[in-house]
Amino acid sequence: MPNPKRRHSKQRRDKRRTHWKLDTPGLSACANCHQPKLPHRVCPNCGYYDQRQITLTKEA
């Protein structure tokens, strides 16, 4: 089994890992209050999903 003869540098290691970063989540606007929310989830601001109230908020 071949083994590496020399250690890889930190620069070489970091160049390989440049694409490991996380993507920003895709946000959509709530149809009820127009605040940004994650798609296919209840709006944390108003508690609506698919034009139906699912949860009660502190305002109500």
C-alpha atoms as a PDB file:
ATOM      1  CA  MET A   1       0.000   0.000   0.000  1.00  0.00           C
ATOM      2  CA  PRO A   2       1.597   3.319  -0.978  1.00  0.00           C
ATOM      3  CA  ASN A   3       2.038   5.896   1.726  1.00  0.00           C
ATOM      4  CA  PRO A   4       2.685   9.603   1.289  1.00  0.00           C
ATOM      5  CA  LYS A   5       6.371  10.421   1.307  1.00  0.00           C
ATOM      6  CA  ARG A   6       5.948  14.017   2.477  1.00  0.00           C
ATOM      7  CA  ARG A   7       3.344  15.901   4.421  1.00  0.00           C
ATOM      8  CA  HIS A   8       0.910  18.071   2.442  1.00  0.00           C
ATOM      9  CA  SER A   9       1.159  21.774   3.227  1.00  0.00           C
ATOM     10  CA  LYS A  10      -1.588  23.788   4.921  1.00  0.00           C
ATOM     11  CA  GLN A  11      -2.032  25.783   1.745  1.00  0.00           C
ATOM     12  CA  ARG A  12      -2.671  22.649  -0.283  1.00  0.00           C
ATOM     13  CA  ARG A  13      -5.118  21.364   2.331  1.00  0.00           C
ATOM     14  CA  ASP A  14      -6.973  24.697   2.444  1.00  0.00           C
ATOM     15  CA  LYS A  15      -7.176  24.921  -1.347  1.00  0.00           C
ATOM     16  CA  ARG A  16      -8.982  21.598  -1.350  1.00  0.00           C
ATOM     17  CA  ARG A  17     -11.443  22.802   1.292  1.00  0.00           C
ATOM     18  CA  THR A  18     -12.449  26.097  -0.370  1.00  0.00           C
ATOM     19  CA  HIS A  19     -15.765  24.639  -1.523  1.00  0.00           C
ATOM     20  CA  TRP A  20     -16.813  23.339   1.906  1.00  0.00           C
ATOM     21  CA  LYS A  21     -18.663  26.516   2.861  1.00  0.00           C
ATOM     22  CA  LEU A  22     -22.372  26.525   3.625  1.00  0.00           C
ATOM     23  CA  ASP A  23     -24.925  28.100   1.307  1.00  0.00           C
ATOM     24  CA  THR A  24     -27.322  30.711   2.597  1.00  0.00           C
ATOM     25  CA  PRO A  25     -30.844  29.342   3.048  1.00  0.00           C
ATOM     26  CA  GLY A  26     -33.320  30.273   0.339  1.00  0.00           C
ATOM     27  CA  LEU A  27     -35.947  32.518   1.889  1.00  0.00           C
ATOM     28  CA  SER A  28     -39.402  33.240   0.521  1.00  0.00           C
ATOM     29  CA  ALA A  29     -41.935  35.890   1.491  1.00  0.00           C
ATOM     30  CA  CYS A  30     -44.886  34.962   3.662  1.00  0.00           C
ATOM     31  CA  ALA A  31     -48.151  35.322   1.742  1.00  0.00           C
ATOM     32  CA  ASN A  32     -49.882  36.754   4.813  1.00  0.00           C
ATOM     33  CA  CYS A  33     -47.419  39.206   6.425  1.00  0.00           C
ATOM     34  CA  HIS A  34     -44.746  39.385   3.665  1.00  0.00           C
ATOM     35  CA  GLN A  35     -41.908  38.695   6.111  1.00  0.00           C
ATOM     36  CA  PRO A  36     -39.041  36.413   5.021  1.00  0.00           C
ATOM     37  CA  LYS A  37     -39.466  32.769   6.036  1.00  0.00           C
ATOM     38  CA  LEU A  38     -38.088  29.367   5.093  1.00  0.00           C
ATOM     39  CA  PRO A  39     -40.134  27.666   2.357  1.00  0.00           C
ATOM     40  CA  HIS A  40     -42.560  24.877   3.322  1.00  0.00           C
ATOM     41  CA  ARG A  41     -42.595  25.977   6.968  1.00  0.00           C
ATOM     42  CA  VAL A  42     -44.963  27.919   9.196  1.00  0.00           C
ATOM     43  CA  CYS A  43     -44.171  31.631   9.290  1.00  0.00           C
ATOM     44  CA  PRO A  44     -42.526  32.421  12.648  1.00  0.00           C
ATOM     45  CA  ASN A  45     -43.906  35.967  12.529  1.00  0.00           C
ATOM     46  CA  CYS A  46     -47.645  35.399  11.998  1.00  0.00           C
ATOM     47  CA  GLY A  47     -48.087  31.602  12.312  1.00  0.00           C
ATOM     48  CA  TYR A  48     -49.666  31.129   8.874  1.00  0.00           C
ATOM     49  CA  TYR A  49     -48.935  28.373   6.360  1.00  0.00           C
ATOM     50  CA  ASP A  50     -50.709  28.095   2.995  1.00  0.00           C
ATOM     51  CA  GLN A  51     -53.136  30.932   3.942  1.00  0.00           C
ATOM     52  CA  ARG A  52     -54.272  29.075   7.081  1.00  0.00           C
ATOM     53  CA  GLN A  53     -53.404  29.961  10.647  1.00  0.00           C
ATOM     54  CA  ILE A  54     -51.525  27.037  12.146  1.00  0.00           C
ATOM     55  CA  THR A  55     -50.113  28.442  15.383  1.00  0.00           C
ATOM     56  CA  LEU A  56     -51.121  31.263  17.636  1.00  0.00           C
ATOM     57  CA  THR A  57     -48.596  34.065  18.071  1.00  0.00           C
ATOM     58  CA  LYS A  58     -47.902  36.191  21.139  1.00  0.00           C
ATOM     59  CA  GLU A  59     -49.799  39.104  19.545  1.00  0.00           C
ATOM     60  CA  ALA A  60     -53.081  37.168  19.499  1.00  0.00           C
END
